[in-house]
C-alpha cells in the first residue's frame, strides 16, 4: 500500500470519529429524494401529535400521491428543502450538526423514510402470503381475513385501515398499502398463526421465504 493511499485511509478514519473539524456527511442522507409532479410534499411546523408528548416538538411532513397520503414526524434539527426541477421535484435533507451522533443517524433514516413515503403513494407496497399445508386456506369474509389452518375453528383477523387484502386463490393472500411498515406488520401477524416449520416445511410463508428442511429423528 502506498503512503498516499494509507494517508487517505487515516484521514477518513479520523473524520469518521470526529477528530477533525471537517463536516461529516451521510452517504444516504445527502442523496436527494426525487418525486413526480403527481406527488405533493408539504412540511409544516404543526406538531406531529398533540396527545403524545414524544412528538410535541416534531413538525409534520405530508406526502400525497395517486394512491393515498402519508404523514411522518420530522425532528427539530432536520432541515428540508424542496426544489422544482421542471417536470419533477426533489427534497433534500440536512441536519444542523452532522458531527452529533443522533443527528447523523437520523439524517439517513429521515431520508429513507421520506423515500418510502414517495414510493408508497406512487407505487405502493405489497406482500404475498403462501399457505402450505393440507387444508390451509384463507378468505375475506365480511371485511375480515378468515384463516383455516387445521384448528378446530377458523381464525378471524381485522384488516387494518389503509390496507387492501385480497385472496386470488385460497392458498394465496395479497396484502397491499401505502405504508411499508403497516404491510410488513400485518403480514407478520398473519404468519404468527402458523410459522413455517422445518420438518414438513408447512406453514405460512411471506413472499419468497424458504427454510432449510430438517430430517426427523432416526430410530
N, C-alpha and C. Protein backbone atom coordinates (compact mmCIF):
# COMPACT_ATOMS: atom_id res chain seq x y z
N UNK A 1 0.85 -1.20 0.00
CA UNK A 1 0.00 0.00 0.00
C UNK A 1 0.89 1.24 0.00
N UNK A 2 0.58 2.21 -0.88
CA UNK A 2 1.39 3.41 -0.97
C UNK A 2 1.12 4.32 0.22
N UNK A 3 2.08 5.26 0.43
CA UNK A 3 1.91 6.21 1.53
C UNK A 3 0.69 7.11 1.28
N UNK A 4 0.42 7.43 0.01
CA UNK A 4 -0.71 8.30 -0.32
C UNK A 4 -2.03 7.64 0.05
N UNK A 5 -2.20 6.37 -0.33
CA UNK A 5 -3.46 5.67 -0.02
C UNK A 5 -3.59 5.45 1.48
N UNK A 6 -2.47 5.16 2.16
CA UNK A 6 -2.50 5.00 3.61
C UNK A 6 -2.94 6.29 4.28
N UNK A 7 -2.43 7.40 3.79
CA UNK A 7 -2.79 8.69 4.35
C UNK A 7 -4.28 8.99 4.17
N UNK A 8 -4.84 8.61 3.00
CA UNK A 8 -6.26 8.83 2.75
C UNK A 8 -7.12 8.00 3.70
N UNK A 9 -6.70 6.75 3.95
CA UNK A 9 -7.45 5.89 4.86
C UNK A 9 -7.41 6.45 6.29
N UNK A 10 -6.25 6.94 6.71
CA UNK A 10 -6.13 7.52 8.05
C UNK A 10 -6.99 8.77 8.18
N UNK A 11 -7.06 9.57 7.10
CA UNK A 11 -7.87 10.78 7.13
C UNK A 11 -9.34 10.44 7.25
N UNK A 12 -9.82 9.43 6.47
CA UNK A 12 -11.21 9.03 6.56
C UNK A 12 -11.54 8.51 7.95
N UNK A 13 -10.60 7.74 8.55
CA UNK A 13 -10.81 7.21 9.90
C UNK A 13 -10.92 8.35 10.92
N UNK A 14 -10.05 9.36 10.76
CA UNK A 14 -10.05 10.49 11.69
C UNK A 14 -11.33 11.29 11.58
N UNK A 15 -11.80 11.56 10.34
CA UNK A 15 -13.01 12.33 10.15
C UNK A 15 -14.21 11.57 10.68
N UNK A 16 -14.24 10.25 10.45
CA UNK A 16 -15.38 9.42 10.90
C UNK A 16 -15.54 9.50 12.41
N UNK A 17 -14.44 9.53 13.13
CA UNK A 17 -14.51 9.54 14.59
C UNK A 17 -14.54 10.96 15.15
N UNK A 18 -14.77 11.94 14.27
CA UNK A 18 -14.99 13.30 14.75
C UNK A 18 -13.76 13.97 15.31
N UNK A 19 -12.55 13.63 14.82
CA UNK A 19 -11.33 14.20 15.37
C UNK A 19 -10.83 15.38 14.55
N UNK A 20 -11.59 15.80 13.54
CA UNK A 20 -11.24 16.99 12.78
C UNK A 20 -12.47 17.86 12.68
N UNK A 21 -12.30 19.08 12.19
CA UNK A 21 -13.42 19.99 12.02
C UNK A 21 -14.15 19.77 10.71
N UNK A 22 -13.76 18.78 9.92
CA UNK A 22 -14.41 18.53 8.64
C UNK A 22 -15.85 18.11 8.85
N UNK A 23 -16.75 18.66 8.03
CA UNK A 23 -18.17 18.31 8.14
C UNK A 23 -18.38 16.87 7.72
N UNK A 24 -19.03 16.10 8.59
CA UNK A 24 -19.28 14.70 8.31
C UNK A 24 -20.55 14.56 7.50
N UNK A 25 -20.50 13.71 6.48
CA UNK A 25 -21.62 13.54 5.57
C UNK A 25 -22.26 12.18 5.76
N UNK A 26 -23.55 12.11 5.45
CA UNK A 26 -24.26 10.84 5.43
C UNK A 26 -24.43 10.44 3.97
N UNK A 27 -23.91 9.26 3.61
CA UNK A 27 -23.97 8.83 2.22
C UNK A 27 -25.42 8.71 1.75
N UNK A 28 -26.30 8.21 2.63
CA UNK A 28 -27.71 8.07 2.25
C UNK A 28 -28.45 9.39 2.42
N UNK A 29 -28.24 10.05 3.56
CA UNK A 29 -28.97 11.27 3.84
C UNK A 29 -28.71 12.39 2.86
N UNK A 30 -27.52 12.45 2.28
CA UNK A 30 -27.18 13.54 1.38
C UNK A 30 -27.78 13.37 -0.01
N UNK A 31 -28.32 12.20 -0.31
CA UNK A 31 -28.94 11.97 -1.62
C UNK A 31 -30.33 12.58 -1.66
N UNK A 32 -30.65 13.41 -2.63
CA UNK A 32 -31.99 14.00 -2.70
C UNK A 32 -33.03 12.94 -3.08
N UNK A 33 -34.25 13.15 -2.64
CA UNK A 33 -35.36 12.27 -2.98
C UNK A 33 -36.15 12.93 -4.11
N UNK A 34 -36.16 12.32 -5.27
CA UNK A 34 -36.89 12.88 -6.40
C UNK A 34 -38.31 12.31 -6.44
N UNK A 35 -39.25 13.15 -6.84
CA UNK A 35 -40.63 12.69 -6.92
C UNK A 35 -41.34 13.39 -8.09
N UNK A 36 -42.32 12.70 -8.71
CA UNK A 36 -43.01 13.24 -9.89
C UNK A 36 -44.00 14.34 -9.52
N UNK A 37 -44.53 14.98 -10.55
CA UNK A 37 -45.47 16.09 -10.33
C UNK A 37 -46.77 15.62 -9.70
N UNK A 38 -47.07 14.32 -9.81
CA UNK A 38 -48.31 13.78 -9.21
C UNK A 38 -48.23 13.70 -7.69
N UNK A 39 -47.04 13.91 -7.15
CA UNK A 39 -46.84 13.84 -5.70
C UNK A 39 -46.67 15.24 -5.13
N UNK A 40 -47.34 15.51 -4.04
CA UNK A 40 -47.23 16.79 -3.35
C UNK A 40 -46.64 16.56 -1.96
N UNK A 41 -45.58 17.30 -1.64
CA UNK A 41 -44.94 17.20 -0.33
C UNK A 41 -45.02 18.55 0.36
N UNK A 42 -45.57 18.56 1.56
CA UNK A 42 -45.65 19.79 2.34
C UNK A 42 -45.07 19.56 3.73
N UNK A 43 -44.33 20.54 4.21
CA UNK A 43 -43.71 20.47 5.54
C UNK A 43 -44.22 21.65 6.35
N UNK A 44 -44.92 21.37 7.44
CA UNK A 44 -45.50 22.41 8.27
C UNK A 44 -44.97 22.30 9.70
N UNK A 45 -44.93 23.42 10.43
CA UNK A 45 -44.45 23.38 11.83
C UNK A 45 -45.46 22.79 12.80
N UNK A 46 -46.62 22.37 12.30
CA UNK A 46 -47.64 21.78 13.16
C UNK A 46 -47.09 20.54 13.86
N UNK A 47 -47.24 20.44 15.19
CA UNK A 47 -46.75 19.24 15.89
C UNK A 47 -47.34 17.97 15.30
N UNK A 48 -46.54 16.95 15.18
CA UNK A 48 -47.00 15.69 14.59
C UNK A 48 -48.11 15.07 15.42
N UNK A 49 -48.09 15.29 16.73
CA UNK A 49 -49.15 14.80 17.61
C UNK A 49 -49.37 15.80 18.73
N UNK A 50 -50.63 16.00 19.09
CA UNK A 50 -50.96 16.89 20.20
C UNK A 50 -51.34 16.11 21.45
N UNK A 51 -51.25 14.79 21.36
CA UNK A 51 -51.59 13.94 22.51
C UNK A 51 -50.41 13.13 23.03
N UNK A 52 -49.43 12.90 22.18
CA UNK A 52 -48.26 12.12 22.56
C UNK A 52 -47.08 13.06 22.77
N UNK A 53 -46.59 13.12 24.00
CA UNK A 53 -45.53 14.07 24.35
C UNK A 53 -44.25 13.86 23.54
N UNK A 54 -44.03 12.67 23.03
CA UNK A 54 -42.82 12.39 22.25
C UNK A 54 -42.78 13.19 20.96
N UNK A 55 -43.93 13.66 20.49
CA UNK A 55 -43.99 14.33 19.19
C UNK A 55 -44.36 15.80 19.29
N UNK A 56 -44.40 16.36 20.49
CA UNK A 56 -44.79 17.77 20.65
C UNK A 56 -43.85 18.71 19.91
N UNK A 57 -42.54 18.41 19.91
CA UNK A 57 -41.58 19.32 19.31
C UNK A 57 -41.17 18.89 17.89
N UNK A 58 -41.92 17.96 17.32
CA UNK A 58 -41.60 17.48 15.97
C UNK A 58 -42.63 18.01 14.97
N UNK A 59 -42.14 18.49 13.84
CA UNK A 59 -43.03 19.03 12.82
C UNK A 59 -43.61 17.90 11.97
N UNK A 60 -44.48 18.26 11.02
CA UNK A 60 -45.22 17.26 10.25
C UNK A 60 -44.90 17.38 8.76
N UNK A 61 -44.57 16.24 8.17
CA UNK A 61 -44.37 16.17 6.72
C UNK A 61 -45.51 15.35 6.13
N UNK A 62 -46.16 15.90 5.12
CA UNK A 62 -47.28 15.22 4.46
C UNK A 62 -46.91 14.94 3.02
N UNK A 63 -47.07 13.69 2.61
CA UNK A 63 -46.78 13.26 1.25
C UNK A 63 -48.06 12.70 0.64
N UNK A 64 -48.56 13.35 -0.42
CA UNK A 64 -49.80 12.93 -1.07
C UNK A 64 -49.51 12.52 -2.50
N UNK A 65 -50.19 11.45 -2.94
CA UNK A 65 -49.98 10.95 -4.30
C UNK A 65 -51.20 10.22 -4.81
N UNK A 66 -51.09 9.58 -5.96
CA UNK A 66 -52.23 8.89 -6.57
C UNK A 66 -52.83 7.80 -5.70
N UNK A 67 -52.02 7.15 -4.86
CA UNK A 67 -52.52 6.01 -4.07
C UNK A 67 -52.95 6.38 -2.66
N UNK A 68 -52.66 7.59 -2.22
CA UNK A 68 -53.05 7.96 -0.87
C UNK A 68 -52.16 9.03 -0.28
N UNK A 69 -52.20 9.15 1.04
CA UNK A 69 -51.44 10.17 1.76
C UNK A 69 -50.71 9.56 2.93
N UNK A 70 -49.48 10.00 3.14
CA UNK A 70 -48.68 9.56 4.28
C UNK A 70 -48.22 10.78 5.05
N UNK A 71 -48.12 10.64 6.37
CA UNK A 71 -47.55 11.69 7.20
C UNK A 71 -46.45 11.09 8.06
N UNK A 72 -45.47 11.91 8.39
CA UNK A 72 -44.39 11.46 9.24
C UNK A 72 -43.86 12.61 10.07
N UNK A 73 -43.25 12.28 11.20
CA UNK A 73 -42.69 13.29 12.11
C UNK A 73 -41.28 13.65 11.67
N UNK A 74 -40.96 14.94 11.77
CA UNK A 74 -39.62 15.44 11.42
C UNK A 74 -38.97 16.03 12.68
N UNK A 75 -37.78 15.56 12.97
CA UNK A 75 -37.05 16.05 14.14
C UNK A 75 -36.76 17.55 13.99
N UNK A 76 -36.69 18.28 15.11
CA UNK A 76 -36.47 19.73 15.03
C UNK A 76 -35.12 20.12 14.44
N UNK A 77 -34.12 19.23 14.50
CA UNK A 77 -32.81 19.56 13.94
C UNK A 77 -32.67 19.18 12.47
N UNK A 78 -33.73 18.61 11.88
CA UNK A 78 -33.70 18.22 10.46
C UNK A 78 -34.25 19.37 9.62
N UNK A 79 -33.53 19.71 8.57
CA UNK A 79 -33.93 20.78 7.67
C UNK A 79 -34.22 20.20 6.29
N UNK A 80 -35.38 20.56 5.73
CA UNK A 80 -35.78 20.07 4.42
C UNK A 80 -35.85 21.23 3.43
N UNK A 81 -35.40 20.98 2.21
CA UNK A 81 -35.51 21.98 1.16
C UNK A 81 -36.07 21.33 -0.10
N UNK A 82 -37.11 21.93 -0.66
CA UNK A 82 -37.74 21.44 -1.87
C UNK A 82 -37.26 22.24 -3.07
N UNK A 83 -37.10 21.56 -4.20
CA UNK A 83 -36.64 22.21 -5.42
C UNK A 83 -37.42 21.67 -6.61
N UNK A 84 -37.91 22.58 -7.44
CA UNK A 84 -38.64 22.21 -8.65
C UNK A 84 -37.64 22.07 -9.79
N UNK A 85 -37.60 20.87 -10.38
CA UNK A 85 -36.65 20.60 -11.46
C UNK A 85 -37.29 20.67 -12.83
N UNK A 86 -38.57 21.01 -12.87
CA UNK A 86 -39.28 21.06 -14.14
C UNK A 86 -39.74 19.68 -14.56
N UNK A 87 -40.99 19.35 -14.31
CA UNK A 87 -41.50 18.02 -14.61
C UNK A 87 -41.43 17.09 -13.42
N UNK A 88 -40.45 17.32 -12.56
CA UNK A 88 -40.34 16.59 -11.31
C UNK A 88 -39.69 17.49 -10.27
N UNK A 89 -39.73 17.08 -9.04
CA UNK A 89 -39.16 17.88 -7.96
C UNK A 89 -38.27 16.99 -7.11
N UNK A 90 -37.59 17.61 -6.16
CA UNK A 90 -36.77 16.84 -5.23
C UNK A 90 -36.74 17.52 -3.88
N UNK A 91 -36.57 16.70 -2.84
CA UNK A 91 -36.43 17.21 -1.48
C UNK A 91 -35.09 16.75 -0.95
N UNK A 92 -34.37 17.68 -0.34
CA UNK A 92 -33.04 17.40 0.20
C UNK A 92 -33.08 17.51 1.71
N UNK A 93 -32.45 16.57 2.37
CA UNK A 93 -32.45 16.52 3.84
C UNK A 93 -31.08 16.96 4.37
N UNK A 94 -31.10 17.82 5.37
CA UNK A 94 -29.89 18.26 6.05
C UNK A 94 -30.14 18.25 7.56
N UNK A 95 -29.06 18.28 8.33
CA UNK A 95 -29.18 18.39 9.78
C UNK A 95 -28.33 19.56 10.26
N UNK A 96 -28.63 20.06 11.45
CA UNK A 96 -27.92 21.22 11.96
C UNK A 96 -26.47 20.91 12.29
N UNK A 97 -26.21 19.75 12.92
CA UNK A 97 -24.85 19.38 13.31
C UNK A 97 -24.60 17.92 12.95
N UNK A 98 -23.94 17.70 11.82
CA UNK A 98 -23.70 16.33 11.35
C UNK A 98 -22.64 15.62 12.20
N UNK A 99 -21.95 16.35 13.06
CA UNK A 99 -20.97 15.72 13.93
C UNK A 99 -21.59 15.08 15.16
N UNK A 100 -22.84 15.43 15.44
CA UNK A 100 -23.55 14.87 16.59
C UNK A 100 -24.15 13.52 16.18
N UNK A 101 -23.93 12.50 16.99
CA UNK A 101 -24.26 11.12 16.60
C UNK A 101 -25.74 10.95 16.26
N UNK A 102 -26.64 11.41 17.13
CA UNK A 102 -28.06 11.22 16.88
C UNK A 102 -28.50 11.90 15.59
N UNK A 103 -28.02 13.12 15.37
CA UNK A 103 -28.41 13.85 14.17
C UNK A 103 -27.90 13.14 12.92
N UNK A 104 -26.67 12.62 12.98
CA UNK A 104 -26.12 11.91 11.82
C UNK A 104 -26.92 10.64 11.53
N UNK A 105 -27.36 9.94 12.59
CA UNK A 105 -28.16 8.74 12.39
C UNK A 105 -29.52 9.07 11.79
N UNK A 106 -30.15 10.12 12.31
CA UNK A 106 -31.48 10.49 11.83
C UNK A 106 -31.45 11.09 10.43
N UNK A 107 -30.29 11.56 10.02
CA UNK A 107 -30.14 12.14 8.68
C UNK A 107 -30.50 11.09 7.63
N UNK A 108 -29.81 9.97 7.67
CA UNK A 108 -30.07 8.91 6.70
C UNK A 108 -31.43 8.27 6.91
N UNK A 109 -31.83 8.11 8.18
CA UNK A 109 -33.13 7.50 8.47
C UNK A 109 -34.27 8.34 7.92
N UNK A 110 -34.21 9.66 8.13
CA UNK A 110 -35.26 10.55 7.64
C UNK A 110 -35.35 10.50 6.12
N UNK A 111 -34.21 10.50 5.46
CA UNK A 111 -34.21 10.44 4.00
C UNK A 111 -34.85 9.14 3.52
N UNK A 112 -34.52 8.01 4.17
CA UNK A 112 -35.07 6.71 3.78
C UNK A 112 -36.58 6.67 4.00
N UNK A 113 -37.06 7.25 5.10
CA UNK A 113 -38.49 7.25 5.39
C UNK A 113 -39.26 8.12 4.39
N UNK A 114 -38.69 9.26 4.01
CA UNK A 114 -39.33 10.11 3.01
C UNK A 114 -39.41 9.38 1.67
N UNK A 115 -38.34 8.70 1.32
CA UNK A 115 -38.33 7.94 0.06
C UNK A 115 -39.39 6.84 0.09
N UNK A 116 -39.56 6.19 1.24
CA UNK A 116 -40.60 5.17 1.37
C UNK A 116 -41.99 5.77 1.22
N UNK A 117 -42.19 6.97 1.75
CA UNK A 117 -43.48 7.64 1.61
C UNK A 117 -43.79 7.92 0.14
N UNK A 118 -42.79 8.41 -0.59
CA UNK A 118 -42.98 8.71 -2.01
C UNK A 118 -43.29 7.43 -2.79
N UNK A 119 -42.53 6.38 -2.51
CA UNK A 119 -42.79 5.10 -3.18
C UNK A 119 -44.17 4.57 -2.83
N UNK A 120 -44.57 4.73 -1.58
CA UNK A 120 -45.86 4.22 -1.14
C UNK A 120 -47.04 4.87 -1.84
N UNK A 121 -46.99 6.20 -2.02
CA UNK A 121 -48.13 6.91 -2.62
C UNK A 121 -48.10 6.87 -4.14
N UNK A 122 -47.01 6.37 -4.73
CA UNK A 122 -46.94 6.28 -6.19
C UNK A 122 -47.04 4.83 -6.69
N UNK A 123 -46.29 3.93 -6.05
CA UNK A 123 -46.27 2.53 -6.48
C UNK A 123 -46.95 1.60 -5.49
N UNK A 124 -46.88 1.96 -4.21
CA UNK A 124 -47.44 1.11 -3.16
C UNK A 124 -46.50 -0.01 -2.78
N UNK A 125 -46.82 -0.69 -1.69
CA UNK A 125 -46.04 -1.84 -1.21
C UNK A 125 -46.97 -3.04 -1.11
N UNK A 126 -46.41 -4.22 -1.25
CA UNK A 126 -47.24 -5.42 -1.17
C UNK A 126 -46.45 -6.57 -0.57
N UNK A 127 -47.19 -7.54 -0.06
CA UNK A 127 -46.60 -8.77 0.47
C UNK A 127 -47.55 -9.90 0.12
N UNK A 128 -46.97 -11.02 -0.32
CA UNK A 128 -47.76 -12.19 -0.67
C UNK A 128 -47.53 -13.29 0.35
N UNK A 129 -48.61 -13.82 0.89
CA UNK A 129 -48.52 -14.92 1.85
C UNK A 129 -48.90 -16.21 1.13
N UNK A 130 -48.06 -17.23 1.31
CA UNK A 130 -48.31 -18.55 0.71
C UNK A 130 -48.66 -19.54 1.81
N UNK A 131 -49.79 -20.20 1.66
CA UNK A 131 -50.24 -21.18 2.64
C UNK A 131 -49.85 -22.58 2.15
N UNK A 132 -48.98 -23.24 2.90
CA UNK A 132 -48.51 -24.57 2.52
C UNK A 132 -48.92 -25.56 3.61
N UNK A 133 -49.80 -26.47 3.28
CA UNK A 133 -50.28 -27.44 4.25
C UNK A 133 -51.65 -27.95 3.85
N UNK A 134 -51.96 -29.17 4.17
CA UNK A 134 -53.24 -29.76 3.82
C UNK A 134 -54.37 -29.02 4.53
N UNK A 135 -55.31 -28.52 3.75
CA UNK A 135 -56.45 -27.82 4.32
C UNK A 135 -56.20 -26.37 4.70
N UNK A 136 -54.97 -25.88 4.55
CA UNK A 136 -54.67 -24.49 4.88
C UNK A 136 -55.25 -23.59 3.78
N UNK A 137 -56.05 -22.63 4.16
CA UNK A 137 -56.62 -21.72 3.17
C UNK A 137 -57.10 -20.45 3.86
N UNK A 138 -57.39 -19.46 3.04
CA UNK A 138 -57.82 -18.16 3.56
C UNK A 138 -58.94 -17.61 2.69
N UNK A 139 -59.66 -16.65 3.25
CA UNK A 139 -60.74 -15.98 2.52
C UNK A 139 -61.05 -14.66 3.21
N UNK A 140 -61.57 -13.72 2.44
CA UNK A 140 -62.02 -12.45 3.01
C UNK A 140 -63.53 -12.56 3.20
N UNK A 141 -63.95 -12.49 4.46
CA UNK A 141 -65.36 -12.65 4.80
C UNK A 141 -65.82 -11.49 5.67
N UNK A 142 -66.80 -10.75 5.17
CA UNK A 142 -67.38 -9.61 5.90
C UNK A 142 -66.30 -8.62 6.34
N UNK A 143 -65.38 -8.34 5.44
CA UNK A 143 -64.35 -7.35 5.73
C UNK A 143 -63.23 -7.83 6.62
N UNK A 144 -63.21 -9.12 6.94
CA UNK A 144 -62.16 -9.68 7.78
C UNK A 144 -61.43 -10.79 7.03
N UNK A 145 -60.20 -11.06 7.44
CA UNK A 145 -59.43 -12.14 6.85
C UNK A 145 -59.66 -13.41 7.68
N UNK A 146 -60.26 -14.40 7.06
CA UNK A 146 -60.55 -15.66 7.75
C UNK A 146 -59.50 -16.70 7.38
N UNK A 147 -58.89 -17.30 8.38
CA UNK A 147 -57.84 -18.30 8.18
C UNK A 147 -58.31 -19.66 8.66
N UNK A 148 -58.07 -20.67 7.87
CA UNK A 148 -58.35 -22.04 8.27
C UNK A 148 -57.03 -22.80 8.20
N UNK A 149 -56.52 -23.11 9.38
CA UNK A 149 -55.16 -23.64 9.48
C UNK A 149 -55.10 -24.96 10.23
N UNK A 150 -56.19 -25.71 10.21
CA UNK A 150 -56.18 -27.00 10.87
C UNK A 150 -56.65 -26.99 12.30
N UNK A 151 -57.00 -25.81 12.81
CA UNK A 151 -57.53 -25.73 14.16
C UNK A 151 -59.01 -26.11 14.15
N UNK A 152 -59.59 -26.26 15.33
CA UNK A 152 -61.00 -26.65 15.43
C UNK A 152 -61.95 -25.54 14.99
N UNK A 153 -61.44 -24.33 14.87
CA UNK A 153 -62.27 -23.19 14.48
C UNK A 153 -61.47 -22.26 13.59
N UNK A 154 -62.12 -21.53 12.70
CA UNK A 154 -61.39 -20.57 11.85
C UNK A 154 -60.91 -19.37 12.65
N UNK A 155 -59.88 -18.73 12.16
CA UNK A 155 -59.31 -17.54 12.81
C UNK A 155 -59.74 -16.32 12.00
N UNK A 156 -60.27 -15.32 12.68
CA UNK A 156 -60.74 -14.11 12.01
C UNK A 156 -59.88 -12.93 12.44
N UNK A 157 -59.30 -12.24 11.46
CA UNK A 157 -58.42 -11.10 11.74
C UNK A 157 -59.00 -9.83 11.12
N UNK A 158 -59.02 -8.78 11.93
CA UNK A 158 -59.44 -7.48 11.41
C UNK A 158 -58.39 -6.97 10.43
N UNK A 159 -58.85 -6.44 9.30
CA UNK A 159 -57.93 -5.86 8.32
C UNK A 159 -57.69 -4.41 8.69
N UNK A 160 -56.46 -4.01 8.97
CA UNK A 160 -56.18 -2.63 9.39
C UNK A 160 -56.62 -1.62 8.33
N UNK A 161 -57.06 -0.48 8.80
CA UNK A 161 -57.45 0.60 7.89
C UNK A 161 -56.23 1.04 7.08
N UNK A 162 -56.43 1.23 5.79
CA UNK A 162 -55.33 1.64 4.92
C UNK A 162 -54.71 0.49 4.15
N UNK A 163 -55.09 -0.74 4.50
CA UNK A 163 -54.57 -1.91 3.79
C UNK A 163 -55.66 -2.53 2.93
N UNK A 164 -55.24 -3.10 1.81
CA UNK A 164 -56.13 -3.86 0.96
C UNK A 164 -55.69 -5.32 0.99
N UNK A 165 -56.61 -6.21 1.24
CA UNK A 165 -56.30 -7.63 1.32
C UNK A 165 -57.19 -8.38 0.33
N UNK A 166 -56.57 -9.16 -0.53
CA UNK A 166 -57.31 -9.96 -1.49
C UNK A 166 -56.81 -11.39 -1.46
N UNK A 167 -57.67 -12.31 -1.87
CA UNK A 167 -57.33 -13.73 -1.90
C UNK A 167 -57.60 -14.25 -3.30
N UNK A 168 -56.63 -14.14 -4.21
CA UNK A 168 -56.84 -14.60 -5.60
C UNK A 168 -57.10 -16.10 -5.70
N UNK A 169 -56.44 -16.87 -4.83
CA UNK A 169 -56.69 -18.30 -4.69
C UNK A 169 -56.66 -18.61 -3.21
N UNK A 170 -57.31 -19.69 -2.76
CA UNK A 170 -57.41 -19.95 -1.32
C UNK A 170 -56.08 -20.07 -0.58
N UNK A 171 -55.01 -20.37 -1.30
CA UNK A 171 -53.71 -20.54 -0.64
C UNK A 171 -52.79 -19.34 -0.83
N UNK A 172 -53.32 -18.23 -1.32
CA UNK A 172 -52.53 -17.01 -1.52
C UNK A 172 -53.29 -15.82 -0.96
N UNK A 173 -52.58 -14.99 -0.21
CA UNK A 173 -53.16 -13.76 0.32
C UNK A 173 -52.26 -12.61 -0.11
N UNK A 174 -52.84 -11.61 -0.75
CA UNK A 174 -52.09 -10.44 -1.19
C UNK A 174 -52.45 -9.25 -0.32
N UNK A 175 -51.43 -8.69 0.33
CA UNK A 175 -51.61 -7.52 1.19
C UNK A 175 -50.94 -6.33 0.51
N UNK A 176 -51.64 -5.22 0.37
CA UNK A 176 -51.06 -4.05 -0.27
C UNK A 176 -51.47 -2.78 0.47
N UNK A 177 -50.63 -1.75 0.37
CA UNK A 177 -50.91 -0.48 1.04
C UNK A 177 -49.82 0.52 0.76
N UNK A 178 -49.99 1.73 1.25
CA UNK A 178 -49.01 2.79 1.02
C UNK A 178 -47.96 2.85 2.11
N UNK A 179 -48.21 2.16 3.23
CA UNK A 179 -47.29 2.19 4.38
C UNK A 179 -46.54 0.86 4.45
N UNK A 180 -45.25 0.89 4.17
CA UNK A 180 -44.43 -0.33 4.15
C UNK A 180 -44.45 -1.03 5.50
N UNK A 181 -44.31 -0.27 6.58
CA UNK A 181 -44.29 -0.87 7.91
C UNK A 181 -45.61 -1.55 8.23
N UNK A 182 -46.72 -0.92 7.86
CA UNK A 182 -48.03 -1.49 8.14
C UNK A 182 -48.24 -2.79 7.36
N UNK A 183 -47.78 -2.82 6.11
CA UNK A 183 -47.89 -4.03 5.28
C UNK A 183 -47.08 -5.16 5.92
N UNK A 184 -45.85 -4.87 6.33
CA UNK A 184 -45.00 -5.89 6.92
C UNK A 184 -45.55 -6.40 8.25
N UNK A 185 -46.06 -5.48 9.07
CA UNK A 185 -46.58 -5.86 10.38
C UNK A 185 -47.79 -6.79 10.26
N UNK A 186 -48.70 -6.47 9.34
CA UNK A 186 -49.88 -7.32 9.20
C UNK A 186 -49.51 -8.67 8.61
N UNK A 187 -48.56 -8.68 7.67
CA UNK A 187 -48.10 -9.96 7.11
C UNK A 187 -47.48 -10.82 8.20
N UNK A 188 -46.68 -10.20 9.08
CA UNK A 188 -46.06 -10.94 10.18
C UNK A 188 -47.11 -11.43 11.18
N UNK A 189 -48.15 -10.63 11.40
CA UNK A 189 -49.22 -11.03 12.32
C UNK A 189 -49.94 -12.28 11.82
N UNK A 190 -50.20 -12.31 10.50
CA UNK A 190 -50.85 -13.49 9.91
C UNK A 190 -49.93 -14.70 10.01
N UNK A 191 -48.66 -14.49 9.73
CA UNK A 191 -47.68 -15.59 9.75
C UNK A 191 -47.55 -16.21 11.13
N UNK A 192 -47.75 -15.40 12.18
CA UNK A 192 -47.61 -15.90 13.55
C UNK A 192 -48.55 -17.06 13.85
N UNK A 193 -49.68 -17.14 13.14
CA UNK A 193 -50.65 -18.19 13.42
C UNK A 193 -50.19 -19.56 12.94
N UNK A 194 -49.25 -19.59 12.01
CA UNK A 194 -48.72 -20.89 11.57
C UNK A 194 -47.34 -20.66 10.94
N UNK A 195 -46.35 -20.50 11.83
CA UNK A 195 -45.00 -20.26 11.35
C UNK A 195 -44.49 -21.47 10.57
N UNK A 196 -43.70 -21.25 9.53
CA UNK A 196 -43.13 -22.38 8.78
C UNK A 196 -42.29 -23.27 9.68
N UNK A 197 -42.49 -24.56 9.58
CA UNK A 197 -41.69 -25.49 10.38
C UNK A 197 -40.78 -26.29 9.44
N UNK A 198 -39.57 -26.62 9.92
CA UNK A 198 -38.52 -27.15 9.04
C UNK A 198 -38.63 -28.63 8.70
N UNK A 199 -39.48 -29.38 9.38
CA UNK A 199 -39.53 -30.83 9.14
C UNK A 199 -40.42 -31.19 7.95
N UNK A 200 -41.65 -30.72 7.97
CA UNK A 200 -42.54 -30.96 6.84
C UNK A 200 -42.64 -29.75 5.91
N UNK A 201 -41.99 -28.63 6.33
CA UNK A 201 -41.99 -27.39 5.55
C UNK A 201 -43.41 -26.91 5.28
N UNK A 202 -44.23 -26.94 6.30
CA UNK A 202 -45.58 -26.43 6.21
C UNK A 202 -45.70 -25.14 7.00
N UNK A 203 -46.67 -24.33 6.64
CA UNK A 203 -46.90 -23.09 7.37
C UNK A 203 -47.23 -21.97 6.42
N UNK A 204 -47.12 -20.73 6.92
CA UNK A 204 -47.39 -19.54 6.12
C UNK A 204 -46.07 -18.88 5.78
N UNK A 205 -45.79 -18.75 4.50
CA UNK A 205 -44.54 -18.16 4.03
C UNK A 205 -44.82 -16.78 3.44
N UNK A 206 -43.91 -15.83 3.70
CA UNK A 206 -44.04 -14.47 3.18
C UNK A 206 -43.15 -14.31 1.96
N UNK A 207 -43.75 -13.88 0.85
CA UNK A 207 -43.04 -13.67 -0.42
C UNK A 207 -42.24 -14.91 -0.81
N UNK A 208 -40.93 -14.75 -1.01
CA UNK A 208 -40.09 -15.86 -1.45
C UNK A 208 -39.38 -16.57 -0.30
N UNK A 209 -39.93 -16.44 0.88
CA UNK A 209 -39.32 -17.04 2.07
C UNK A 209 -39.17 -18.55 1.92
N UNK A 210 -38.02 -19.06 2.29
CA UNK A 210 -37.77 -20.50 2.30
C UNK A 210 -37.09 -20.87 3.62
N UNK A 211 -37.18 -22.14 3.99
CA UNK A 211 -36.49 -22.62 5.18
C UNK A 211 -35.77 -23.92 4.84
N UNK A 212 -34.69 -24.15 5.53
CA UNK A 212 -33.92 -25.38 5.29
C UNK A 212 -34.65 -26.58 5.92
N UNK A 213 -34.83 -27.60 5.12
CA UNK A 213 -35.53 -28.78 5.60
C UNK A 213 -34.64 -29.58 6.54
N UNK A 214 -35.24 -30.01 7.66
CA UNK A 214 -34.53 -30.83 8.63
C UNK A 214 -35.06 -32.26 8.58
N UNK A 215 -34.16 -33.18 8.77
CA UNK A 215 -34.58 -34.59 8.82
C UNK A 215 -35.09 -34.90 10.19
N UNK A 216 -36.13 -35.75 10.26
CA UNK A 216 -36.67 -36.16 11.55
C UNK A 216 -35.71 -37.09 12.26
N UNK A 217 -35.96 -37.33 13.53
CA UNK A 217 -35.09 -38.21 14.30
C UNK A 217 -35.16 -39.63 13.74
N UNK A 218 -34.01 -40.21 13.56
CA UNK A 218 -33.94 -41.57 13.03
C UNK A 218 -33.82 -42.56 14.20
N UNK A 219 -34.59 -43.62 14.11
CA UNK A 219 -34.54 -44.64 15.16
C UNK A 219 -33.36 -45.56 14.96
